[in-house]
Amino acid sequence: MGWANAAIPPASRTQATVSVSEVDRGKPAPDLYLTAAQRLNVPPAACIAVEDTAPGIAAARAAGMLAVQLRASSTALPPLPEADLVLSAYSEFDLSLLNGARA
């Protein structure tokens, strides 16, 4: 994700991966997102989840994260009313959201 790499100083970048095989329940349950936040040592409310499907948006919301629907993917669903924010391209992302997902 170029915009994230450009907005976050290299010293503060962190990474975590979570596979559905590592959690009890997959999407739309929040398990994947909650585990990722835990591994990053970041409260879920301070996270932004970028998703392209309804189950992914539901999982992010259930985890207490800001749920962003990115419609520029191969699925390109209509805007989902459950999403906190709907984007057609990464370039539309407001980088000020990186200062705190939920203030």
PDB file of N, CA and C in Angstrom:
ATOM      1  N   MET A   1       0.835  -1.170   0.000  1.00  0.00           N
ATOM      2  CA  MET A   1       0.000   0.000   0.000  1.00  0.00           C
ATOM      3  C   MET A   1       0.883   1.236   0.000  1.00  0.00           C
ATOM      4  N   GLY A   2       1.039   1.844  -1.127  1.00  0.00           N
ATOM      5  CA  GLY A   2       1.912   2.979  -1.250  1.00  0.00           C
ATOM      6  C   GLY A   2       1.521   4.154  -0.376  1.00  0.00           C
ATOM      7  N   TRP A   3       0.235   4.492  -0.286  1.00  0.00           N
ATOM      8  CA  TRP A   3      -0.183   5.643   0.515  1.00  0.00           C
ATOM      9  C   TRP A   3       0.147   5.432   1.977  1.00  0.00           C
ATOM     10  N   ALA A   4       0.000   4.223   2.478  1.00  0.00           N
ATOM     11  CA  ALA A   4       0.312   3.965   3.890  1.00  0.00           C
ATOM     12  C   ALA A   4       1.806   4.076   4.117  1.00  0.00           C
ATOM     13  N   ASN A   5       2.594   3.540   3.216  1.00  0.00           N
ATOM     14  CA  ASN A   5       4.044   3.603   3.369  1.00  0.00           C
ATOM     15  C   ASN A   5       4.541   5.038   3.304  1.00  0.00           C
ATOM     16  N   ALA A   6       3.890   5.856   2.496  1.00  0.00           N
ATOM     17  CA  ALA A   6       4.304   7.248   2.381  1.00  0.00           C
ATOM     18  C   ALA A   6       3.897   8.055   3.610  1.00  0.00           C
ATOM     19  N   ALA A   7       2.817   7.668   4.253  1.00  0.00           N
ATOM     20  CA  ALA A   7       2.288   8.453   5.370  1.00  0.00           C
ATOM     21  C   ALA A   7       2.851   8.045   6.719  1.00  0.00           C
ATOM     22  N   ILE A   8       3.397   6.851   6.832  1.00  0.00           N
ATOM     23  CA  ILE A   8       3.878   6.354   8.113  1.00  0.00           C
ATOM     24  C   ILE A   8       5.392   6.282   8.077  1.00  0.00           C
ATOM     25  N   PRO A   9       6.069   6.970   8.997  1.00  0.00           N
ATOM     26  CA  PRO A   9       7.537   6.935   9.018  1.00  0.00           C
ATOM     27  C   PRO A   9       8.049   5.500   9.143  1.00  0.00           C
ATOM     28  N   PRO A  10       9.143   5.149   8.453  1.00  0.00           N
ATOM     29  CA  PRO A  10       9.653   3.772   8.477  1.00  0.00           C
ATOM     30  C   PRO A  10       9.867   3.208   9.874  1.00  0.00           C
ATOM     31  N   ALA A  11      10.321   4.014  10.816  1.00  0.00           N
ATOM     32  CA  ALA A  11      10.598   3.501  12.159  1.00  0.00           C
ATOM     33  C   ALA A  11       9.338   3.071  12.898  1.00  0.00           C
ATOM     34  N   SER A  12       8.174   3.595  12.479  1.00  0.00           N
ATOM     35  CA  SER A  12       6.945   3.258  13.192  1.00  0.00           C
ATOM     36  C   SER A  12       6.077   2.239  12.456  1.00  0.00           C
ATOM     37  N   ARG A  13       6.523   1.755  11.309  1.00  0.00           N
ATOM     38  CA  ARG A  13       5.749   0.747  10.577  1.00  0.00           C
ATOM     39  C   ARG A  13       5.815  -0.587  11.298  1.00  0.00           C
ATOM     40  N   THR A  14       4.704  -1.243  11.360  1.00  0.00           N
ATOM     41  CA  THR A  14       4.652  -2.571  11.957  1.00  0.00           C
ATOM     42  C   THR A  14       3.897  -3.488  11.027  1.00  0.00           C
ATOM     43  N   GLN A  15       4.076  -4.778  11.225  1.00  0.00           N
ATOM     44  CA  GLN A  15       3.393  -5.744  10.393  1.00  0.00           C
ATOM     45  C   GLN A  15       2.869  -6.873  11.245  1.00  0.00           C
ATOM     46  N   ALA A  16       1.744  -7.387  10.838  1.00  0.00           N
ATOM     47  CA  ALA A  16       1.182  -8.583  11.459  1.00  0.00           C
ATOM     48  C   ALA A  16       0.355  -9.291  10.406  1.00  0.00           C
ATOM     49  N   THR A  17       0.405 -10.593  10.445  1.00  0.00           N
ATOM     50  CA  THR A  17      -0.446 -11.371   9.559  1.00  0.00           C
ATOM     51  C   THR A  17      -1.287 -12.312  10.402  1.00  0.00           C
ATOM     52  N   VAL A  18      -2.492 -12.555   9.907  1.00  0.00           N
ATOM     53  CA  VAL A  18      -3.397 -13.483  10.570  1.00  0.00           C
ATOM     54  C   VAL A  18      -4.110 -14.269   9.479  1.00  0.00           C
ATOM     55  N   SER A  19      -4.122 -15.566   9.637  1.00  0.00           N
ATOM     56  CA  SER A  19      -4.816 -16.448   8.705  1.00  0.00           C
ATOM     57  C   SER A  19      -6.080 -16.966   9.374  1.00  0.00           C
ATOM     58  N   VAL A  20      -7.077 -17.263   8.562  1.00  0.00           N
ATOM     59  CA  VAL A  20      -8.329 -17.804   9.108  1.00  0.00           C
ATOM     60  C   VAL A  20      -8.080 -19.117   9.850  1.00  0.00           C
ATOM     61  N   SER A  21      -7.007 -19.808   9.517  1.00  0.00           N
ATOM     62  CA  SER A  21      -6.689 -21.061  10.214  1.00  0.00           C
ATOM     63  C   SER A  21      -6.159 -20.814  11.633  1.00  0.00           C
ATOM     64  N   GLU A  22      -5.856 -19.552  11.958  1.00  0.00           N
ATOM     65  CA  GLU A  22      -5.324 -19.213  13.274  1.00  0.00           C
ATOM     66  C   GLU A  22      -6.388 -18.709  14.249  1.00  0.00           C
ATOM     67  N   VAL A  23      -7.617 -18.579  13.794  1.00  0.00           N
ATOM     68  CA  VAL A  23      -8.687 -18.062  14.648  1.00  0.00           C
ATOM     69  C   VAL A  23      -9.853 -19.051  14.663  1.00  0.00           C
ATOM     70  N   ASP A  24     -10.728 -18.880  15.648  1.00  0.00           N
ATOM     71  CA  ASP A  24     -11.867 -19.781  15.769  1.00  0.00           C
ATOM     72  C   ASP A  24     -12.908 -19.568  14.684  1.00  0.00           C
ATOM     73  N   ARG A  25     -13.144 -18.299  14.318  1.00  0.00           N
ATOM     74  CA  ARG A  25     -14.196 -17.980  13.352  1.00  0.00           C
ATOM     75  C   ARG A  25     -13.672 -17.017  12.302  1.00  0.00           C
ATOM     76  N   GLY A  26     -14.068 -17.249  11.074  1.00  0.00           N
ATOM     77  CA  GLY A  26     -13.713 -16.337   9.986  1.00  0.00           C
ATOM     78  C   GLY A  26     -14.743 -15.227   9.863  1.00  0.00           C
ATOM     79  N   LYS A  27     -14.556 -14.384   8.854  1.00  0.00           N
ATOM     80  CA  LYS A  27     -15.495 -13.294   8.608  1.00  0.00           C
ATOM     81  C   LYS A  27     -16.882 -13.868   8.327  1.00  0.00           C
ATOM     82  N   PRO A  28     -17.920 -13.266   8.827  1.00  0.00           N
ATOM     83  CA  PRO A  28     -18.053 -11.910   9.358  1.00  0.00           C
ATOM     84  C   PRO A  28     -17.767 -11.761  10.849  1.00  0.00           C
ATOM     85  N   ALA A  29     -17.300 -12.799  11.509  1.00  0.00           N
ATOM     86  CA  ALA A  29     -16.899 -12.673  12.919  1.00  0.00           C
ATOM     87  C   ALA A  29     -15.666 -11.765  13.000  1.00  0.00           C
ATOM     88  N   PRO A  30     -15.449 -11.102  14.108  1.00  0.00           N
ATOM     89  CA  PRO A  30     -14.339 -10.153  14.224  1.00  0.00           C
ATOM     90  C   PRO A  30     -12.993 -10.777  14.563  1.00  0.00           C
ATOM     91  N   ASP A  31     -12.914 -12.086  14.680  1.00  0.00           N
ATOM     92  CA  ASP A  31     -11.717 -12.758  15.190  1.00  0.00           C
ATOM     93  C   ASP A  31     -10.423 -12.370  14.462  1.00  0.00           C
ATOM     94  N   LEU A  32     -10.449 -12.331  13.132  1.00  0.00           N
ATOM     95  CA  LEU A  32      -9.240 -11.985  12.374  1.00  0.00           C
ATOM     96  C   LEU A  32      -8.747 -10.586  12.728  1.00  0.00           C
ATOM     97  N   TYR A  33      -9.657  -9.640  12.748  1.00  0.00           N
ATOM     98  CA  TYR A  33      -9.268  -8.264  13.045  1.00  0.00           C
ATOM     99  C   TYR A  33      -8.829  -8.088  14.491  1.00  0.00           C
ATOM    100  N   LEU A  34      -9.518  -8.726  15.408  1.00  0.00           N
ATOM    101  CA  LEU A  34      -9.129  -8.608  16.820  1.00  0.00           C
ATOM    102  C   LEU A  34      -7.752  -9.218  17.062  1.00  0.00           C
ATOM    103  N   THR A  35      -7.466 -10.330  16.407  1.00  0.00           N
ATOM    104  CA  THR A  35      -6.157 -10.964  16.553  1.00  0.00           C
ATOM    105  C   THR A  35      -5.063 -10.082  15.949  1.00  0.00           C
ATOM    106  N   ALA A  36      -5.331  -9.472  14.793  1.00  0.00           N
ATOM    107  CA  ALA A  36      -4.347  -8.582  14.169  1.00  0.00           C
ATOM    108  C   ALA A  36      -4.048  -7.392  15.073  1.00  0.00           C
ATOM    109  N   ALA A  37      -5.085  -6.790  15.641  1.00  0.00           N
ATOM    110  CA  ALA A  37      -4.880  -5.653  16.539  1.00  0.00           C
ATOM    111  C   ALA A  37      -4.073  -6.070  17.765  1.00  0.00           C
ATOM    112  N   GLN A  38      -4.377  -7.233  18.284  1.00  0.00           N
ATOM    113  CA  GLN A  38      -3.643  -7.730  19.450  1.00  0.00           C
ATOM    114  C   GLN A  38      -2.167  -7.933  19.108  1.00  0.00           C
ATOM    115  N   ARG A  39      -1.892  -8.523  17.953  1.00  0.00           N
ATOM    116  CA  ARG A  39      -0.505  -8.754  17.548  1.00  0.00           C
ATOM    117  C   ARG A  39       0.246  -7.450  17.321  1.00  0.00           C
ATOM    118  N   LEU A  40      -0.474  -6.424  16.904  1.00  0.00           N
ATOM    119  CA  LEU A  40       0.135  -5.110  16.705  1.00  0.00           C
ATOM    120  C   LEU A  40       0.203  -4.308  17.997  1.00  0.00           C
ATOM    121  N   ASN A  41      -0.453  -4.830  19.045  1.00  0.00           N
ATOM    122  CA  ASN A  41      -0.540  -4.133  20.328  1.00  0.00           C
ATOM    123  C   ASN A  41      -1.193  -2.762  20.163  1.00  0.00           C
ATOM    124  N   VAL A  42      -2.287  -2.751  19.396  1.00  0.00           N
ATOM    125  CA  VAL A  42      -3.037  -1.530  19.122  1.00  0.00           C
ATOM    126  C   VAL A  42      -4.500  -1.802  19.456  1.00  0.00           C
ATOM    127  N   PRO A  43      -5.162  -0.896  20.160  1.00  0.00           N
ATOM    128  CA  PRO A  43      -6.579  -1.106  20.437  1.00  0.00           C
ATOM    129  C   PRO A  43      -7.376  -1.133  19.134  1.00  0.00           C
ATOM    130  N   PRO A  44      -8.335  -2.020  19.015  1.00  0.00           N
ATOM    131  CA  PRO A  44      -9.133  -2.087  17.784  1.00  0.00           C
ATOM    132  C   PRO A  44      -9.739  -0.746  17.381  1.00  0.00           C
ATOM    133  N   ALA A  45     -10.145   0.058  18.335  1.00  0.00           N
ATOM    134  CA  ALA A  45     -10.750   1.349  18.018  1.00  0.00           C
ATOM    135  C   ALA A  45      -9.762   2.313  17.354  1.00  0.00           C
ATOM    136  N   ALA A  46      -8.471   2.011  17.417  1.00  0.00           N
ATOM    137  CA  ALA A  46      -7.454   2.842  16.779  1.00  0.00           C
ATOM    138  C   ALA A  46      -7.050   2.292  15.412  1.00  0.00           C
ATOM    139  N   CYS A  47      -7.766   1.288  14.929  1.00  0.00           N
ATOM    140  CA  CYS A  47      -7.443   0.631  13.661  1.00  0.00           C
ATOM    141  C   CYS A  47      -8.407   1.036  12.558  1.00  0.00           C
ATOM    142  N   ILE A  48      -7.904   0.999  11.348  1.00  0.00           N
ATOM    143  CA  ILE A  48      -8.718   1.211  10.154  1.00  0.00           C
ATOM    144  C   ILE A  48      -8.655  -0.068   9.343  1.00  0.00           C
ATOM    145  N   ALA A  49      -9.812  -0.627   9.043  1.00  0.00           N
ATOM    146  CA  ALA A  49      -9.882  -1.848   8.234  1.00  0.00           C
ATOM    147  C   ALA A  49     -10.359  -1.484   6.835  1.00  0.00           C
ATOM    148  N   VAL A  50      -9.633  -1.920   5.832  1.00  0.00           N
ATOM    149  CA  VAL A  50     -10.016  -1.680   4.443  1.00  0.00           C
ATOM    150  C   VAL A  50     -10.505  -3.003   3.883  1.00  0.00           C
ATOM    151  N   GLU A  51     -11.732  -3.013   3.422  1.00  0.00           N
ATOM    152  CA  GLU A  51     -12.387  -4.238   2.955  1.00  0.00           C
ATOM    153  C   GLU A  51     -13.115  -3.982   1.643  1.00  0.00           C
ATOM    154  N   ASP A  52     -13.462  -5.082   0.964  1.00  0.00           N
ATOM    155  CA  ASP A  52     -14.203  -4.944  -0.287  1.00  0.00           C
ATOM    156  C   ASP A  52     -15.506  -5.742  -0.306  1.00  0.00           C
ATOM    157  N   THR A  53     -15.815  -6.450   0.767  1.00  0.00           N
ATOM    158  CA  THR A  53     -17.025  -7.269   0.786  1.00  0.00           C
ATOM    159  C   THR A  53     -17.847  -7.005   2.047  1.00  0.00           C
ATOM    160  N   ALA A  54     -19.117  -7.374   1.996  1.00  0.00           N
ATOM    161  CA  ALA A  54     -20.002  -7.202   3.149  1.00  0.00           C
ATOM    162  C   ALA A  54     -19.529  -7.990   4.370  1.00  0.00           C
ATOM    163  N   PRO A  55     -19.101  -9.257   4.225  1.00  0.00           N
ATOM    164  CA  PRO A  55     -18.608  -9.968   5.412  1.00  0.00           C
ATOM    165  C   PRO A  55     -17.374  -9.304   6.029  1.00  0.00           C
ATOM    166  N   GLY A  56     -16.513  -8.748   5.202  1.00  0.00           N
ATOM    167  CA  GLY A  56     -15.336  -8.061   5.714  1.00  0.00           C
ATOM    168  C   GLY A  56     -15.698  -6.786   6.461  1.00  0.00           C
ATOM    169  N   ILE A  57     -16.629  -6.018   5.921  1.00  0.00           N
ATOM    170  CA  ILE A  57     -17.104  -4.804   6.591  1.00  0.00           C
ATOM    171  C   ILE A  57     -17.747  -5.181   7.920  1.00  0.00           C
ATOM    172  N   ALA A  58     -18.552  -6.233   7.924  1.00  0.00           N
ATOM    173  CA  ALA A  58     -19.203  -6.684   9.157  1.00  0.00           C
ATOM    174  C   ALA A  58     -18.178  -7.098  10.198  1.00  0.00           C
ATOM    175  N   ALA A  59     -17.115  -7.788   9.771  1.00  0.00           N
ATOM    176  CA  ALA A  59     -16.064  -8.221  10.699  1.00  0.00           C
ATOM    177  C   ALA A  59     -15.346  -7.019  11.300  1.00  0.00           C
ATOM    178  N   ALA A  60     -15.018  -6.038  10.481  1.00  0.00           N
ATOM    179  CA  ALA A  60     -14.332  -4.843  10.959  1.00  0.00           C
ATOM    180  C   ALA A  60     -15.204  -4.075  11.947  1.00  0.00           C
ATOM    181  N   ARG A  61     -16.469  -3.924  11.613  1.00  0.00           N
ATOM    182  CA  ARG A  61     -17.390  -3.203  12.514  1.00  0.00           C
ATOM    183  C   ARG A  61     -17.552  -3.954  13.834  1.00  0.00           C
ATOM    184  N   ALA A  62     -17.677  -5.280  13.752  1.00  0.00           N
ATOM    185  CA  ALA A  62     -17.829  -6.085  14.969  1.00  0.00           C
ATOM    186  C   ALA A  62     -16.590  -5.998  15.853  1.00  0.00           C
ATOM    187  N   ALA A  63     -15.430  -5.764  15.238  1.00  0.00           N
ATOM    188  CA  ALA A  63     -14.186  -5.619  15.989  1.00  0.00           C
ATOM    189  C   ALA A  63     -14.051  -4.217  16.585  1.00  0.00           C
ATOM    190  N   GLY A  64     -14.926  -3.295  16.203  1.00  0.00           N
ATOM    191  CA  GLY A  64     -14.861  -1.934  16.710  1.00  0.00           C
ATOM    192  C   GLY A  64     -13.916  -1.045  15.947  1.00  0.00           C
ATOM    193  N   MET A  65     -13.601  -1.422  14.705  1.00  0.00           N
ATOM    194  CA  MET A  65     -12.670  -0.652  13.878  1.00  0.00           C
ATOM    195  C   MET A  65     -13.426   0.227  12.900  1.00  0.00           C
ATOM    196  N   LEU A  66     -12.752   1.244  12.396  1.00  0.00           N
ATOM    197  CA  LEU A  66     -13.290   2.050  11.312  1.00  0.00           C
ATOM    198  C   LEU A  66     -13.292   1.166  10.071  1.00  0.00           C
ATOM    199  N   ALA A  67     -14.449   0.976   9.470  1.00  0.00           N
ATOM    200  CA  ALA A  67     -14.587   0.069   8.327  1.00  0.00           C
ATOM    201  C   ALA A  67     -14.677   0.868   7.029  1.00  0.00           C
ATOM    202  N   VAL A  68     -13.652   0.730   6.192  1.00  0.00           N
ATOM    203  CA  VAL A  68     -13.591   1.423   4.916  1.00  0.00           C
ATOM    204  C   VAL A  68     -13.838   0.414   3.796  1.00  0.00           C
ATOM    205  N   GLN A  69     -14.839   0.690   2.982  1.00  0.00           N
ATOM    206  CA  GLN A  69     -15.094  -0.162   1.817  1.00  0.00           C
ATOM    207  C   GLN A  69     -14.323   0.406   0.640  1.00  0.00           C
ATOM    208  N   LEU A  70     -13.453  -0.413   0.052  1.00  0.00           N
ATOM    209  CA  LEU A  70     -12.723  -0.034  -1.157  1.00  0.00           C
ATOM    210  C   LEU A  70     -13.384  -0.723  -2.331  1.00  0.00           C
ATOM    211  N   ARG A  71     -14.005   0.058  -3.179  1.00  0.00           N
ATOM    212  CA  ARG A  71     -14.757  -0.489  -4.315  1.00  0.00           C
ATOM    213  C   ARG A  71     -13.891  -0.689  -5.551  1.00  0.00           C
ATOM    214  N   ALA A  72     -12.629  -0.358  -5.510  1.00  0.00           N
ATOM    215  CA  ALA A  72     -11.759  -0.453  -6.680  1.00  0.00           C
ATOM    216  C   ALA A  72     -11.247  -1.861  -6.920  1.00  0.00           C
ATOM    217  N   SER A  73     -11.692  -2.803  -6.123  1.00  0.00           N
ATOM    218  CA  SER A  73     -11.209  -4.172  -6.261  1.00  0.00           C
ATOM    219  C   SER A  73     -12.013  -4.923  -7.316  1.00  0.00           C
ATOM    220  N   SER A  74     -11.710  -6.178  -7.483  1.00  0.00           N
ATOM    221  CA  SER A  74     -12.393  -6.985  -8.485  1.00  0.00           C
ATOM    222  C   SER A  74     -13.862  -7.212  -8.149  1.00  0.00           C
ATOM    223  N   THR A  75     -14.217  -7.086  -6.866  1.00  0.00           N
ATOM    224  CA  THR A  75     -15.613  -7.296  -6.487  1.00  0.00           C
ATOM    225  C   THR A  75     -16.467  -6.064  -6.756  1.00  0.00           C
ATOM    226  N   ALA A  76     -15.955  -4.869  -6.503  1.00  0.00           N
ATOM    227  CA  ALA A  76     -16.626  -3.588  -6.770  1.00  0.00           C
ATOM    228  C   ALA A  76     -18.124  -3.629  -6.490  1.00  0.00           C
ATOM    229  N   LEU A  77     -18.476  -4.012  -5.294  1.00  0.00           N
ATOM    230  CA  LEU A  77     -19.873  -4.016  -4.889  1.00  0.00           C
ATOM    231  C   LEU A  77     -20.411  -2.594  -4.826  1.00  0.00           C
ATOM    232  N   PRO A  78     -21.728  -2.448  -4.877  1.00  0.00           N
ATOM    233  CA  PRO A  78     -22.292  -1.111  -4.640  1.00  0.00           C
ATOM    234  C   PRO A  78     -21.890  -0.652  -3.238  1.00  0.00           C
ATOM    235  N   PRO A  79     -21.960   0.651  -2.986  1.00  0.00           N
ATOM    236  CA  PRO A  79     -21.621   1.121  -1.636  1.00  0.00           C
ATOM    237  C   PRO A  79     -22.442   0.390  -0.579  1.00  0.00           C
ATOM    238  N   LEU A  80     -21.769  -0.065   0.452  1.00  0.00           N
ATOM    239  CA  LEU A  80     -22.428  -0.789   1.533  1.00  0.00           C
ATOM    240  C   LEU A  80     -22.789   0.193   2.644  1.00  0.00           C
ATOM    241  N   PRO A  81     -24.057   0.242   3.040  1.00  0.00           N
ATOM    242  CA  PRO A  81     -24.459   1.196   4.078  1.00  0.00           C
ATOM    243  C   PRO A  81     -23.792   0.933   5.424  1.00  0.00           C
ATOM    244  N   GLU A  82     -23.306  -0.268   5.657  1.00  0.00           N
ATOM    245  CA  GLU A  82     -22.637  -0.604   6.919  1.00  0.00           C
ATOM    246  C   GLU A  82     -21.232  -0.031   7.008  1.00  0.00           C
ATOM    247  N   ALA A  83     -20.650   0.341   5.882  1.00  0.00           N
ATOM    248  CA  ALA A  83     -19.285   0.885   5.871  1.00  0.00           C
ATOM    249  C   ALA A  83     -19.277   2.296   6.447  1.00  0.00           C
ATOM    250  N   ASP A  84     -18.219   2.602   7.211  1.00  0.00           N
ATOM    251  CA  ASP A  84     -18.068   3.957   7.739  1.00  0.00           C
ATOM    252  C   ASP A  84     -17.659   4.937   6.652  1.00  0.00           C
ATOM    253  N   LEU A  85     -16.954   4.431   5.643  1.00  0.00           N
ATOM    254  CA  LEU A  85     -16.447   5.247   4.554  1.00  0.00           C
ATOM    255  C   LEU A  85     -16.375   4.361   3.319  1.00  0.00           C
ATOM    256  N   VAL A  86     -16.761   4.908   2.158  1.00  0.00           N
ATOM    257  CA  VAL A  86     -16.709   4.159   0.902  1.00  0.00           C
ATOM    258  C   VAL A  86     -15.797   4.902  -0.061  1.00  0.00           C
ATOM    259  N   LEU A  87     -14.806   4.179  -0.605  1.00  0.00           N
ATOM    260  CA  LEU A  87     -13.851   4.750  -1.551  1.00  0.00           C
ATOM    261  C   LEU A  87     -13.872   3.968  -2.850  1.00  0.00           C
ATOM    262  N   SER A  88     -13.619   4.666  -3.936  1.00  0.00           N
ATOM    263  CA  SER A  88     -13.483   3.986  -5.227  1.00  0.00           C
ATOM    264  C   SER A  88     -12.025   3.731  -5.573  1.00  0.00           C
ATOM    265  N   ALA A  89     -11.118   4.423  -4.892  1.00  0.00           N
ATOM    266  CA  ALA A  89      -9.681   4.258  -5.139  1.00  0.00           C
ATOM    267  C   ALA A  89      -8.904   4.631  -3.884  1.00  0.00           C
ATOM    268  N   TYR A  90      -7.745   4.038  -3.688  1.00  0.00           N
ATOM    269  CA  TYR A  90      -6.899   4.383  -2.548  1.00  0.00           C
ATOM    270  C   TYR A  90      -6.582   5.873  -2.524  1.00  0.00           C
ATOM    271  N   SER A  91      -6.476   6.489  -3.693  1.00  0.00           N
ATOM    272  CA  SER A  91      -6.122   7.905  -3.760  1.00  0.00           C
ATOM    273  C   SER A  91      -7.166   8.796  -3.096  1.00  0.00           C
ATOM    274  N   GLU A  92      -8.366   8.297  -2.873  1.00  0.00           N
ATOM    275  CA  GLU A  92      -9.420   9.063  -2.209  1.00  0.00           C
ATOM    276  C   GLU A  92      -9.289   9.030  -0.688  1.00  0.00           C
ATOM    277  N   PHE A  93      -8.380   8.216  -0.177  1.00  0.00           N
ATOM    278  CA  PHE A  93      -8.251   8.037   1.271  1.00  0.00           C
ATOM    279  C   PHE A  93      -7.719   9.309   1.925  1.00  0.00           C
ATOM    280  N   ASP A  94      -8.384   9.765   2.974  1.00  0.00           N
ATOM    281  CA  ASP A  94      -7.975  10.942   3.728  1.00  0.00           C
ATOM    282  C   ASP A  94      -6.896  10.520   4.723  1.00  0.00           C
ATOM    283  N   LEU A  95      -5.664  10.889   4.468  1.00  0.00           N
ATOM    284  CA  LEU A  95      -4.541  10.460   5.313  1.00  0.00           C
ATOM    285  C   LEU A  95      -4.652  10.961   6.748  1.00  0.00           C
ATOM    286  N   SER A  96      -5.463  11.969   6.989  1.00  0.00           N
ATOM    287  CA  SER A  96      -5.613  12.445   8.365  1.00  0.00           C
ATOM    288  C   SER A  96      -6.286  11.386   9.239  1.00  0.00           C
ATOM    289  N   LEU A  97      -6.959  10.424   8.637  1.00  0.00           N
ATOM    290  CA  LEU A  97      -7.550   9.331   9.408  1.00  0.00           C
ATOM    291  C   LEU A  97      -6.485   8.486  10.095  1.00  0.00           C
ATOM    292  N   LEU A  98      -5.264   8.512   9.597  1.00  0.00           N
ATOM    293  CA  LEU A  98      -4.184   7.740  10.208  1.00  0.00           C
ATOM    294  C   LEU A  98      -3.770   8.300  11.560  1.00  0.00           C
ATOM    295  N   ASN A  99      -4.226   9.483  11.892  1.00  0.00           N
ATOM    296  CA  ASN A  99      -3.927  10.074  13.192  1.00  0.00           C
ATOM    297  C   ASN A  99      -4.793   9.499  14.298  1.00  0.00           C
ATOM    298  N   GLY A 100      -5.714   8.645  13.973  1.00  0.00           N
ATOM    299  CA  GLY A 100      -6.591   8.025  14.966  1.00  0.00           C
ATOM    300  C   GLY A 100      -7.900   7.640  14.313  1.00  0.00           C
ATOM    301  N   ALA A 101      -8.165   6.349  14.254  1.00  0.00           N
ATOM    302  CA  ALA A 101      -9.353   5.879  13.568  1.00  0.00           C
ATOM    303  C   ALA A 101     -10.624   6.372  14.241  1.00  0.00           C
ATOM    304  N   ARG A 102     -10.672   6.271  15.530  1.00  0.00           N
ATOM    305  CA  ARG A 102     -11.854   6.699  16.286  1.00  0.00           C
ATOM    306  C   ARG A 102     -11.373   7.632  17.395  1.00  0.00           C
ATOM    307  N   ALA A 103     -11.664   8.887  17.250  1.00  0.00           N
ATOM    308  CA  ALA A 103     -11.203   9.857  18.255  1.00  0.00           C
ATOM    309  C   ALA A 103     -12.066   9.813  19.503  1.00  0.00           C
TER     310      ALA A 103
END
